[in-house]
Amino acid sequence: MTEPRAEGSRVTISDPSVMRALAHPVRLAIMEHLSSLPAGATATECAEIVGQSPSATSYHLRELAKAGLVEPAPSRGDARERVWRSVAASWTVDAGRTTEPESRAAESALIEAWLAREVERSREWLRRAPDEPAEWYAAAQLADRQLLLTAEELTELNEAVSRLMEPYGKRQRTDPPAGARTVSVHYKALPLD
């Protein structure tokens, strides 16, 4: 894993052991939650989000800390309370173009776990969509579009989409307007055969 950069930065994960540590649904959920909170959260607070006991969540937090993805955060005044925070606002995976089986397997396991989480979110939306308020039902979107691009154009498109989403990031948006909800934007841009 590369060294985390300044606040708001993205950590690039390239170490297979770190990828394996993160390739767990509960750990992905914990990382997502902590990445959205600059001040961090306790194991008990994370447990409420991920649907696990505080002791199980504490175990997962320690494993994430061993992998260098989370760290202790400043105390909120209660010395008995242990607060954790993400080392960066976001992360990306890059095993490189290696043919090393261990790296490829670790990268694949992590991406598969992340994709399974995103597919389940889409299914959950479909289950509850009929009960959503009309404005949220109309605003939600599942779409697919095929584009014809060069690698350079794809890089430019990815950077432009990232810039468009940046001001709405849960971590950055400390005073959202009334009625704002957490929204999952699953963006992928992959060349097809």
N, C-alpha and C. Protein backbone atom coordinates (compact mmCIF):
# COMPACT_ATOMS: atom_id res chain seq x y z
N MET A 1 0.86 -1.17 0.00
CA MET A 1 0.00 0.00 0.00
C MET A 1 0.89 1.22 0.00
N THR A 2 0.57 2.19 -0.79
CA THR A 2 1.34 3.43 -0.79
C THR A 2 1.02 4.21 0.47
N GLU A 3 1.88 5.13 0.80
CA GLU A 3 1.64 5.97 1.97
C GLU A 3 0.44 6.87 1.75
N PRO A 4 -0.44 7.02 2.75
CA PRO A 4 -1.56 7.95 2.62
C PRO A 4 -1.03 9.37 2.43
N ARG A 5 -1.72 10.13 1.61
CA ARG A 5 -1.33 11.51 1.36
C ARG A 5 -2.21 12.44 2.21
N ALA A 6 -2.25 13.69 1.88
CA ALA A 6 -2.98 14.68 2.66
C ALA A 6 -4.46 14.35 2.76
N GLU A 7 -5.13 14.93 3.75
CA GLU A 7 -6.58 14.75 3.97
C GLU A 7 -7.34 14.91 2.66
N GLY A 8 -8.31 14.07 2.46
CA GLY A 8 -9.11 14.14 1.26
C GLY A 8 -8.50 13.34 0.12
N SER A 9 -7.37 12.70 0.38
CA SER A 9 -6.69 11.98 -0.68
C SER A 9 -7.20 10.55 -0.79
N ARG A 10 -6.69 9.88 -1.78
CA ARG A 10 -7.04 8.49 -2.05
C ARG A 10 -5.80 7.65 -1.80
N VAL A 11 -5.98 6.55 -1.09
CA VAL A 11 -4.91 5.59 -0.85
C VAL A 11 -4.98 4.54 -1.94
N THR A 12 -3.83 4.20 -2.51
CA THR A 12 -3.77 3.14 -3.50
C THR A 12 -3.29 1.87 -2.82
N ILE A 13 -4.09 0.84 -2.90
CA ILE A 13 -3.76 -0.44 -2.27
C ILE A 13 -3.16 -1.35 -3.33
N SER A 14 -1.91 -1.75 -3.11
CA SER A 14 -1.24 -2.64 -4.05
C SER A 14 -0.69 -3.90 -3.37
N ASP A 15 -0.67 -3.91 -2.06
CA ASP A 15 -0.16 -5.03 -1.28
C ASP A 15 -1.22 -6.12 -1.19
N PRO A 16 -0.90 -7.36 -1.62
CA PRO A 16 -1.90 -8.44 -1.58
C PRO A 16 -2.44 -8.72 -0.18
N SER A 17 -1.61 -8.58 0.87
CA SER A 17 -2.10 -8.84 2.22
C SER A 17 -3.13 -7.79 2.64
N VAL A 18 -2.96 -6.55 2.20
CA VAL A 18 -3.93 -5.50 2.51
C VAL A 18 -5.22 -5.74 1.73
N MET A 19 -5.10 -6.16 0.49
CA MET A 19 -6.29 -6.49 -0.31
C MET A 19 -7.09 -7.62 0.34
N ARG A 20 -6.37 -8.65 0.81
CA ARG A 20 -7.07 -9.78 1.46
C ARG A 20 -7.74 -9.32 2.75
N ALA A 21 -7.09 -8.44 3.50
CA ALA A 21 -7.67 -7.95 4.75
C ALA A 21 -8.96 -7.17 4.50
N LEU A 22 -9.03 -6.48 3.40
CA LEU A 22 -10.20 -5.66 3.08
C LEU A 22 -11.31 -6.44 2.37
N ALA A 23 -10.99 -7.60 1.81
CA ALA A 23 -11.95 -8.38 1.00
C ALA A 23 -12.95 -9.13 1.87
N HIS A 24 -13.64 -8.39 2.71
CA HIS A 24 -14.66 -8.96 3.61
C HIS A 24 -15.82 -7.97 3.66
N PRO A 25 -17.05 -8.44 3.52
CA PRO A 25 -18.19 -7.50 3.47
C PRO A 25 -18.28 -6.55 4.67
N VAL A 26 -18.00 -7.05 5.87
CA VAL A 26 -18.09 -6.19 7.05
C VAL A 26 -16.99 -5.13 7.02
N ARG A 27 -15.80 -5.52 6.61
CA ARG A 27 -14.69 -4.56 6.57
C ARG A 27 -14.91 -3.51 5.49
N LEU A 28 -15.48 -3.92 4.37
CA LEU A 28 -15.81 -2.93 3.34
C LEU A 28 -16.83 -1.92 3.87
N ALA A 29 -17.83 -2.41 4.61
CA ALA A 29 -18.85 -1.52 5.17
C ALA A 29 -18.24 -0.59 6.22
N ILE A 30 -17.36 -1.12 7.04
CA ILE A 30 -16.68 -0.28 8.04
C ILE A 30 -15.86 0.80 7.36
N MET A 31 -15.09 0.41 6.34
CA MET A 31 -14.26 1.39 5.63
C MET A 31 -15.12 2.47 4.98
N GLU A 32 -16.22 2.07 4.39
CA GLU A 32 -17.11 3.05 3.77
C GLU A 32 -17.62 4.03 4.82
N HIS A 33 -18.04 3.51 5.96
CA HIS A 33 -18.57 4.37 7.02
C HIS A 33 -17.48 5.32 7.55
N LEU A 34 -16.31 4.78 7.88
CA LEU A 34 -15.25 5.63 8.43
C LEU A 34 -14.73 6.64 7.41
N SER A 35 -14.74 6.25 6.15
CA SER A 35 -14.27 7.18 5.11
C SER A 35 -15.19 8.39 4.97
N SER A 36 -16.42 8.26 5.43
CA SER A 36 -17.36 9.38 5.32
C SER A 36 -17.37 10.26 6.56
N LEU A 37 -16.61 9.88 7.58
CA LEU A 37 -16.60 10.62 8.84
C LEU A 37 -15.20 11.09 9.19
N PRO A 38 -14.87 12.35 8.99
CA PRO A 38 -13.51 12.82 9.29
C PRO A 38 -13.09 12.57 10.74
N ALA A 39 -14.03 12.66 11.68
CA ALA A 39 -13.69 12.49 13.10
C ALA A 39 -13.67 11.03 13.53
N GLY A 40 -14.15 10.13 12.68
CA GLY A 40 -14.13 8.71 13.01
C GLY A 40 -15.34 8.26 13.80
N ALA A 41 -15.27 7.00 14.28
CA ALA A 41 -16.37 6.40 15.02
C ALA A 41 -15.82 5.29 15.91
N THR A 42 -16.61 4.92 16.90
CA THR A 42 -16.22 3.82 17.79
C THR A 42 -16.68 2.49 17.19
N ALA A 43 -16.20 1.40 17.77
CA ALA A 43 -16.63 0.07 17.33
C ALA A 43 -18.13 -0.09 17.52
N THR A 44 -18.67 0.44 18.59
CA THR A 44 -20.11 0.36 18.85
C THR A 44 -20.90 1.12 17.78
N GLU A 45 -20.43 2.31 17.41
CA GLU A 45 -21.10 3.08 16.36
C GLU A 45 -21.01 2.37 15.02
N CYS A 46 -19.85 1.81 14.71
CA CYS A 46 -19.69 1.06 13.46
C CYS A 46 -20.57 -0.19 13.46
N ALA A 47 -20.69 -0.84 14.62
CA ALA A 47 -21.49 -2.07 14.73
C ALA A 47 -22.94 -1.81 14.35
N GLU A 48 -23.47 -0.65 14.71
CA GLU A 48 -24.84 -0.30 14.34
C GLU A 48 -25.00 -0.20 12.84
N ILE A 49 -23.99 0.27 12.15
CA ILE A 49 -24.02 0.45 10.70
C ILE A 49 -23.88 -0.89 9.98
N VAL A 50 -22.97 -1.74 10.46
CA VAL A 50 -22.65 -2.98 9.74
C VAL A 50 -23.44 -4.19 10.21
N GLY A 51 -24.25 -4.02 11.27
CA GLY A 51 -25.10 -5.12 11.74
C GLY A 51 -24.34 -6.23 12.44
N GLN A 52 -23.27 -5.88 13.12
CA GLN A 52 -22.47 -6.85 13.87
C GLN A 52 -22.44 -6.43 15.33
N SER A 53 -21.95 -7.31 16.19
CA SER A 53 -21.78 -6.95 17.59
C SER A 53 -20.59 -6.00 17.72
N PRO A 54 -20.55 -5.20 18.79
CA PRO A 54 -19.38 -4.32 18.98
C PRO A 54 -18.07 -5.11 19.07
N SER A 55 -18.10 -6.29 19.69
CA SER A 55 -16.85 -7.05 19.81
C SER A 55 -16.40 -7.58 18.45
N ALA A 56 -17.32 -8.07 17.62
CA ALA A 56 -16.95 -8.52 16.27
C ALA A 56 -16.45 -7.35 15.44
N THR A 57 -17.11 -6.21 15.57
CA THR A 57 -16.70 -5.02 14.82
C THR A 57 -15.32 -4.55 15.28
N SER A 58 -15.07 -4.64 16.57
CA SER A 58 -13.76 -4.27 17.11
C SER A 58 -12.66 -5.15 16.52
N TYR A 59 -12.94 -6.44 16.39
CA TYR A 59 -11.98 -7.36 15.75
C TYR A 59 -11.68 -6.90 14.32
N HIS A 60 -12.72 -6.60 13.55
CA HIS A 60 -12.53 -6.17 12.16
C HIS A 60 -11.75 -4.84 12.11
N LEU A 61 -12.02 -3.94 13.04
CA LEU A 61 -11.27 -2.68 13.09
C LEU A 61 -9.80 -2.92 13.36
N ARG A 62 -9.49 -3.84 14.25
CA ARG A 62 -8.08 -4.15 14.54
C ARG A 62 -7.40 -4.75 13.31
N GLU A 63 -8.12 -5.60 12.56
CA GLU A 63 -7.55 -6.18 11.34
C GLU A 63 -7.30 -5.08 10.29
N LEU A 64 -8.23 -4.15 10.18
CA LEU A 64 -8.04 -3.02 9.26
C LEU A 64 -6.86 -2.15 9.70
N ALA A 65 -6.69 -2.00 11.00
CA ALA A 65 -5.55 -1.23 11.53
C ALA A 65 -4.24 -1.95 11.21
N LYS A 66 -4.20 -3.27 11.37
CA LYS A 66 -2.99 -4.03 11.03
C LYS A 66 -2.62 -3.84 9.56
N ALA A 67 -3.65 -3.70 8.72
CA ALA A 67 -3.43 -3.50 7.29
C ALA A 67 -3.09 -2.06 6.95
N GLY A 68 -3.14 -1.16 7.94
CA GLY A 68 -2.79 0.24 7.71
C GLY A 68 -3.90 1.07 7.10
N LEU A 69 -5.15 0.58 7.16
CA LEU A 69 -6.28 1.29 6.55
C LEU A 69 -7.04 2.18 7.53
N VAL A 70 -6.99 1.84 8.81
CA VAL A 70 -7.62 2.69 9.83
C VAL A 70 -6.59 2.91 10.94
N GLU A 71 -6.85 3.93 11.74
CA GLU A 71 -5.96 4.27 12.84
C GLU A 71 -6.77 4.85 13.99
N PRO A 72 -6.21 4.83 15.20
CA PRO A 72 -6.92 5.47 16.30
C PRO A 72 -7.09 6.96 16.02
N ALA A 73 -8.25 7.49 16.36
CA ALA A 73 -8.54 8.91 16.20
C ALA A 73 -8.47 9.58 17.57
N PRO A 74 -8.36 10.90 17.60
CA PRO A 74 -8.35 11.59 18.89
C PRO A 74 -9.60 11.27 19.70
N SER A 75 -9.42 11.13 20.99
CA SER A 75 -10.53 10.82 21.89
C SER A 75 -11.52 11.98 21.92
N ARG A 76 -12.75 11.64 22.20
CA ARG A 76 -13.81 12.66 22.32
C ARG A 76 -13.97 13.12 23.76
N GLY A 77 -13.05 12.73 24.62
CA GLY A 77 -13.12 13.15 26.02
C GLY A 77 -13.35 12.00 26.97
N ASP A 78 -13.87 10.88 26.51
CA ASP A 78 -14.10 9.72 27.35
C ASP A 78 -12.94 8.75 27.12
N ALA A 79 -12.07 8.62 28.10
CA ALA A 79 -10.86 7.81 27.93
C ALA A 79 -11.18 6.34 27.68
N ARG A 80 -12.37 5.88 28.07
CA ARG A 80 -12.75 4.47 27.85
C ARG A 80 -13.17 4.23 26.42
N GLU A 81 -13.50 5.27 25.71
CA GLU A 81 -14.02 5.16 24.34
C GLU A 81 -12.86 5.20 23.34
N ARG A 82 -12.79 4.18 22.47
CA ARG A 82 -11.75 4.14 21.45
C ARG A 82 -12.37 4.52 20.11
N VAL A 83 -11.87 5.61 19.54
CA VAL A 83 -12.38 6.12 18.27
C VAL A 83 -11.40 5.74 17.17
N TRP A 84 -11.95 5.28 16.03
CA TRP A 84 -11.16 4.89 14.87
C TRP A 84 -11.50 5.80 13.70
N ARG A 85 -10.53 6.01 12.82
CA ARG A 85 -10.78 6.77 11.60
C ARG A 85 -10.03 6.13 10.44
N SER A 86 -10.52 6.40 9.26
CA SER A 86 -9.86 5.94 8.04
C SER A 86 -8.62 6.78 7.81
N VAL A 87 -7.57 6.17 7.25
CA VAL A 87 -6.34 6.93 7.00
C VAL A 87 -6.48 7.86 5.80
N ALA A 88 -7.51 7.66 4.98
CA ALA A 88 -7.75 8.52 3.81
C ALA A 88 -9.24 8.54 3.51
N ALA A 89 -9.66 9.52 2.75
CA ALA A 89 -11.08 9.68 2.41
C ALA A 89 -11.57 8.59 1.45
N SER A 90 -10.68 8.02 0.66
CA SER A 90 -11.09 6.97 -0.28
C SER A 90 -9.89 6.09 -0.61
N TRP A 91 -10.16 5.01 -1.29
CA TRP A 91 -9.09 4.09 -1.67
C TRP A 91 -9.36 3.51 -3.05
N THR A 92 -8.30 3.03 -3.65
CA THR A 92 -8.40 2.37 -4.93
C THR A 92 -7.47 1.17 -4.91
N VAL A 93 -7.72 0.21 -5.77
CA VAL A 93 -6.91 -1.00 -5.82
C VAL A 93 -6.10 -1.00 -7.10
N ASP A 94 -4.82 -1.34 -6.97
CA ASP A 94 -3.97 -1.41 -8.16
C ASP A 94 -2.88 -2.46 -7.94
N ALA A 95 -3.13 -3.66 -8.42
CA ALA A 95 -2.11 -4.70 -8.35
C ALA A 95 -1.15 -4.56 -9.51
N GLY A 96 -1.37 -3.57 -10.33
CA GLY A 96 -0.51 -3.38 -11.49
C GLY A 96 -0.79 -4.42 -12.55
N ARG A 97 0.07 -4.48 -13.48
CA ARG A 97 -0.11 -5.45 -14.57
C ARG A 97 0.67 -6.72 -14.26
N THR A 98 0.78 -7.03 -12.98
CA THR A 98 1.55 -8.18 -12.55
C THR A 98 0.90 -9.49 -12.99
N THR A 99 1.72 -10.49 -13.18
CA THR A 99 1.20 -11.84 -13.45
C THR A 99 1.37 -12.71 -12.21
N GLU A 100 1.81 -12.09 -11.11
CA GLU A 100 2.01 -12.81 -9.86
C GLU A 100 0.66 -13.33 -9.35
N PRO A 101 0.51 -14.64 -9.23
CA PRO A 101 -0.79 -15.21 -8.85
C PRO A 101 -1.35 -14.69 -7.53
N GLU A 102 -0.49 -14.49 -6.54
CA GLU A 102 -0.96 -14.01 -5.23
C GLU A 102 -1.60 -12.62 -5.35
N SER A 103 -0.95 -11.72 -6.07
CA SER A 103 -1.48 -10.36 -6.24
C SER A 103 -2.77 -10.36 -7.04
N ARG A 104 -2.81 -11.13 -8.12
CA ARG A 104 -4.02 -11.19 -8.95
C ARG A 104 -5.19 -11.78 -8.17
N ALA A 105 -4.93 -12.83 -7.41
CA ALA A 105 -5.99 -13.47 -6.62
C ALA A 105 -6.52 -12.53 -5.55
N ALA A 106 -5.62 -11.81 -4.88
CA ALA A 106 -6.04 -10.87 -3.82
C ALA A 106 -6.85 -9.73 -4.42
N GLU A 107 -6.38 -9.19 -5.54
CA GLU A 107 -7.12 -8.11 -6.20
C GLU A 107 -8.51 -8.59 -6.64
N SER A 108 -8.56 -9.77 -7.22
CA SER A 108 -9.83 -10.33 -7.68
C SER A 108 -10.79 -10.55 -6.51
N ALA A 109 -10.30 -11.08 -5.40
CA ALA A 109 -11.16 -11.33 -4.23
C ALA A 109 -11.73 -10.02 -3.69
N LEU A 110 -10.91 -8.99 -3.63
CA LEU A 110 -11.38 -7.70 -3.12
C LEU A 110 -12.42 -7.09 -4.06
N ILE A 111 -12.14 -7.11 -5.35
CA ILE A 111 -13.08 -6.52 -6.30
C ILE A 111 -14.39 -7.32 -6.32
N GLU A 112 -14.31 -8.64 -6.23
CA GLU A 112 -15.53 -9.47 -6.18
C GLU A 112 -16.37 -9.12 -4.94
N ALA A 113 -15.73 -8.95 -3.79
CA ALA A 113 -16.46 -8.59 -2.57
C ALA A 113 -17.12 -7.22 -2.71
N TRP A 114 -16.40 -6.28 -3.31
CA TRP A 114 -16.95 -4.93 -3.51
C TRP A 114 -18.13 -4.97 -4.49
N LEU A 115 -17.97 -5.71 -5.59
CA LEU A 115 -19.05 -5.81 -6.57
C LEU A 115 -20.28 -6.48 -5.97
N ALA A 116 -20.09 -7.52 -5.17
CA ALA A 116 -21.23 -8.18 -4.53
C ALA A 116 -21.99 -7.20 -3.64
N ARG A 117 -21.26 -6.35 -2.94
CA ARG A 117 -21.89 -5.33 -2.08
C ARG A 117 -22.70 -4.35 -2.93
N GLU A 118 -22.15 -3.93 -4.06
CA GLU A 118 -22.85 -2.98 -4.92
C GLU A 118 -24.08 -3.61 -5.59
N VAL A 119 -23.98 -4.85 -6.00
CA VAL A 119 -25.13 -5.54 -6.58
C VAL A 119 -26.24 -5.68 -5.54
N GLU A 120 -25.88 -6.01 -4.32
CA GLU A 120 -26.89 -6.14 -3.26
C GLU A 120 -27.56 -4.79 -2.99
N ARG A 121 -26.83 -3.71 -3.06
CA ARG A 121 -27.44 -2.38 -2.89
C ARG A 121 -28.48 -2.12 -3.99
N SER A 122 -28.18 -2.51 -5.21
CA SER A 122 -29.14 -2.32 -6.30
C SER A 122 -30.38 -3.17 -6.07
N ARG A 123 -30.18 -4.40 -5.63
CA ARG A 123 -31.32 -5.27 -5.34
C ARG A 123 -32.17 -4.72 -4.19
N GLU A 124 -31.51 -4.20 -3.18
CA GLU A 124 -32.23 -3.60 -2.04
C GLU A 124 -33.06 -2.41 -2.53
N TRP A 125 -32.51 -1.60 -3.42
CA TRP A 125 -33.27 -0.48 -3.97
C TRP A 125 -34.51 -1.00 -4.70
N LEU A 126 -34.34 -2.01 -5.52
CA LEU A 126 -35.48 -2.55 -6.28
C LEU A 126 -36.57 -3.08 -5.35
N ARG A 127 -36.18 -3.67 -4.22
CA ARG A 127 -37.17 -4.18 -3.25
C ARG A 127 -37.97 -3.05 -2.61
N ARG A 128 -37.31 -1.95 -2.31
CA ARG A 128 -38.01 -0.88 -1.60
C ARG A 128 -38.47 0.27 -2.49
N ALA A 129 -38.10 0.27 -3.76
CA ALA A 129 -38.42 1.38 -4.67
C ALA A 129 -39.90 1.75 -4.69
N PRO A 130 -40.81 0.78 -4.72
CA PRO A 130 -42.23 1.16 -4.77
C PRO A 130 -42.71 1.97 -3.55
N ASP A 131 -41.99 1.84 -2.44
CA ASP A 131 -42.37 2.55 -1.21
C ASP A 131 -41.64 3.87 -1.03
N GLU A 132 -40.74 4.20 -1.94
CA GLU A 132 -39.99 5.44 -1.85
C GLU A 132 -40.87 6.62 -2.24
N PRO A 133 -40.57 7.82 -1.70
CA PRO A 133 -41.28 9.01 -2.15
C PRO A 133 -41.10 9.19 -3.66
N ALA A 134 -42.10 9.76 -4.31
CA ALA A 134 -42.10 9.90 -5.77
C ALA A 134 -40.85 10.63 -6.28
N GLU A 135 -40.41 11.68 -5.57
CA GLU A 135 -39.26 12.43 -6.05
C GLU A 135 -37.97 11.60 -6.01
N TRP A 136 -37.83 10.72 -5.01
CA TRP A 136 -36.65 9.85 -4.93
C TRP A 136 -36.75 8.74 -5.96
N TYR A 137 -37.94 8.22 -6.17
CA TYR A 137 -38.12 7.17 -7.20
C TYR A 137 -37.75 7.72 -8.57
N ALA A 138 -38.19 8.93 -8.86
CA ALA A 138 -37.90 9.55 -10.16
C ALA A 138 -36.43 9.94 -10.30
N ALA A 139 -35.79 10.30 -9.20
CA ALA A 139 -34.40 10.75 -9.26
C ALA A 139 -33.40 9.60 -9.37
N ALA A 140 -33.76 8.44 -8.86
CA ALA A 140 -32.84 7.29 -8.90
C ALA A 140 -32.64 6.83 -10.34
N GLN A 141 -31.50 6.23 -10.60
CA GLN A 141 -31.22 5.80 -11.96
C GLN A 141 -30.33 4.56 -11.97
N LEU A 142 -30.73 3.60 -12.75
CA LEU A 142 -29.88 2.46 -13.11
C LEU A 142 -29.73 2.56 -14.62
N ALA A 143 -28.53 2.76 -15.10
CA ALA A 143 -28.35 2.99 -16.54
C ALA A 143 -27.07 2.35 -17.02
N ASP A 144 -27.04 2.10 -18.29
CA ASP A 144 -25.85 1.58 -18.95
C ASP A 144 -25.74 2.26 -20.30
N ARG A 145 -24.59 2.70 -20.63
CA ARG A 145 -24.38 3.36 -21.91
C ARG A 145 -23.02 2.93 -22.44
N GLN A 146 -22.98 2.55 -23.69
CA GLN A 146 -21.71 2.19 -24.30
C GLN A 146 -21.18 3.37 -25.08
N LEU A 147 -19.91 3.68 -24.83
CA LEU A 147 -19.25 4.81 -25.46
C LEU A 147 -18.12 4.29 -26.34
N LEU A 148 -17.70 5.08 -27.30
CA LEU A 148 -16.56 4.75 -28.14
C LEU A 148 -15.47 5.77 -27.84
N LEU A 149 -14.42 5.33 -27.12
CA LEU A 149 -13.40 6.24 -26.60
C LEU A 149 -12.00 5.70 -26.81
N THR A 150 -11.04 6.61 -26.82
CA THR A 150 -9.63 6.22 -26.72
C THR A 150 -9.30 6.11 -25.24
N ALA A 151 -8.15 5.52 -24.91
CA ALA A 151 -7.72 5.44 -23.51
C ALA A 151 -7.57 6.84 -22.91
N GLU A 152 -7.07 7.78 -23.70
CA GLU A 152 -6.92 9.16 -23.22
C GLU A 152 -8.28 9.79 -22.94
N GLU A 153 -9.25 9.59 -23.82
CA GLU A 153 -10.59 10.13 -23.62
C GLU A 153 -11.25 9.50 -22.39
N LEU A 154 -11.04 8.21 -22.19
CA LEU A 154 -11.61 7.54 -21.02
C LEU A 154 -11.02 8.11 -19.74
N THR A 155 -9.73 8.36 -19.73
CA THR A 155 -9.08 8.98 -18.57
C THR A 155 -9.69 10.36 -18.30
N GLU A 156 -9.87 11.16 -19.36
CA GLU A 156 -10.47 12.49 -19.21
C GLU A 156 -11.90 12.39 -18.69
N LEU A 157 -12.67 11.44 -19.20
CA LEU A 157 -14.05 11.25 -18.75
C LEU A 157 -14.09 10.87 -17.27
N ASN A 158 -13.24 9.93 -16.88
CA ASN A 158 -13.19 9.51 -15.47
C ASN A 158 -12.85 10.68 -14.55
N GLU A 159 -11.89 11.49 -14.96
CA GLU A 159 -11.51 12.66 -14.15
C GLU A 159 -12.64 13.67 -14.07
N ALA A 160 -13.37 13.88 -15.17
CA ALA A 160 -14.49 14.83 -15.18
C ALA A 160 -15.62 14.34 -14.28
N VAL A 161 -15.93 13.06 -14.33
CA VAL A 161 -16.99 12.51 -13.47
C VAL A 161 -16.59 12.64 -12.01
N SER A 162 -15.34 12.35 -11.72
CA SER A 162 -14.85 12.49 -10.35
C SER A 162 -14.98 13.93 -9.85
N ARG A 163 -14.62 14.89 -10.71
CA ARG A 163 -14.76 16.31 -10.33
C ARG A 163 -16.22 16.69 -10.09
N LEU A 164 -17.13 16.15 -10.90
CA LEU A 164 -18.56 16.44 -10.73
C LEU A 164 -19.08 15.92 -9.39
N MET A 165 -18.62 14.75 -8.97
CA MET A 165 -19.11 14.16 -7.73
C MET A 165 -18.47 14.74 -6.48
N GLU A 166 -17.25 15.25 -6.59
CA GLU A 166 -16.47 15.69 -5.44
C GLU A 166 -17.23 16.61 -4.47
N PRO A 167 -17.92 17.65 -4.91
CA PRO A 167 -18.58 18.55 -3.94
C PRO A 167 -19.70 17.88 -3.15
N TYR A 168 -20.17 16.74 -3.61
CA TYR A 168 -21.28 16.06 -2.94
C TYR A 168 -20.81 14.95 -2.01
N GLY A 169 -19.50 14.73 -1.91
CA GLY A 169 -18.96 13.67 -1.06
C GLY A 169 -19.46 13.80 0.36
N LYS A 170 -19.86 12.68 0.94
CA LYS A 170 -20.42 12.68 2.29
C LYS A 170 -19.43 13.25 3.31
N ARG A 171 -18.17 12.97 3.12
CA ARG A 171 -17.15 13.46 4.04
C ARG A 171 -16.95 14.97 3.92
N GLN A 172 -17.05 15.50 2.71
CA GLN A 172 -16.81 16.92 2.48
C GLN A 172 -18.04 17.77 2.76
N ARG A 173 -19.21 17.21 2.61
CA ARG A 173 -20.45 17.99 2.71
C ARG A 173 -20.94 17.99 4.16
N THR A 174 -20.43 18.91 4.94
CA THR A 174 -20.72 18.92 6.38
C THR A 174 -22.05 19.59 6.70
N ASP A 175 -22.61 20.36 5.78
CA ASP A 175 -23.88 21.04 6.04
C ASP A 175 -24.81 20.86 4.83
N PRO A 176 -25.28 19.61 4.59
CA PRO A 176 -26.12 19.37 3.42
C PRO A 176 -27.50 20.01 3.58
N PRO A 177 -28.17 20.29 2.48
CA PRO A 177 -29.51 20.88 2.57
C PRO A 177 -30.51 19.89 3.16
N ALA A 178 -31.60 20.42 3.68
CA ALA A 178 -32.66 19.57 4.24
C ALA A 178 -33.13 18.58 3.18
N GLY A 179 -33.39 17.37 3.59
CA GLY A 179 -33.88 16.35 2.67
C GLY A 179 -32.79 15.55 1.98
N ALA A 180 -31.52 15.91 2.21
CA ALA A 180 -30.42 15.17 1.59
C ALA A 180 -30.32 13.78 2.19
N ARG A 181 -30.03 12.79 1.35
CA ARG A 181 -29.85 11.40 1.78
C ARG A 181 -28.52 10.89 1.25
N THR A 182 -27.99 9.89 1.91
CA THR A 182 -26.80 9.23 1.38
C THR A 182 -27.21 8.47 0.12
N VAL A 183 -26.46 8.68 -0.94
CA VAL A 183 -26.74 8.05 -2.24
C VAL A 183 -25.49 7.30 -2.67
N SER A 184 -25.66 6.06 -3.11
CA SER A 184 -24.54 5.28 -3.62
C SER A 184 -24.47 5.47 -5.13
N VAL A 185 -23.34 5.97 -5.60
CA VAL A 185 -23.12 6.10 -7.04
C VAL A 185 -22.07 5.06 -7.40
N HIS A 186 -22.49 4.05 -8.11
CA HIS A 186 -21.59 2.98 -8.54
C HIS A 186 -21.19 3.31 -9.97
N TYR A 187 -19.98 3.76 -10.12
CA TYR A 187 -19.50 4.17 -11.44
C TYR A 187 -18.45 3.18 -11.90
N LYS A 188 -18.58 2.71 -13.11
CA LYS A 188 -17.55 1.87 -13.71
C LYS A 188 -17.38 2.27 -15.16
N ALA A 189 -16.17 2.19 -15.62
CA ALA A 189 -15.88 2.49 -17.03
C ALA A 189 -14.82 1.48 -17.46
N LEU A 190 -15.27 0.40 -18.07
CA LEU A 190 -14.40 -0.72 -18.41
C LEU A 190 -14.46 -1.01 -19.90
N PRO A 191 -13.32 -1.19 -20.53
CA PRO A 191 -13.33 -1.55 -21.96
C PRO A 191 -13.98 -2.92 -22.16
N LEU A 192 -14.76 -3.06 -23.21
CA LEU A 192 -15.40 -4.33 -23.56
C LEU A 192 -14.60 -5.00 -24.66
N ASP A 193 -14.75 -6.32 -24.78
CA ASP A 193 -14.11 -7.02 -25.89
C ASP A 193 -14.76 -6.63 -27.19
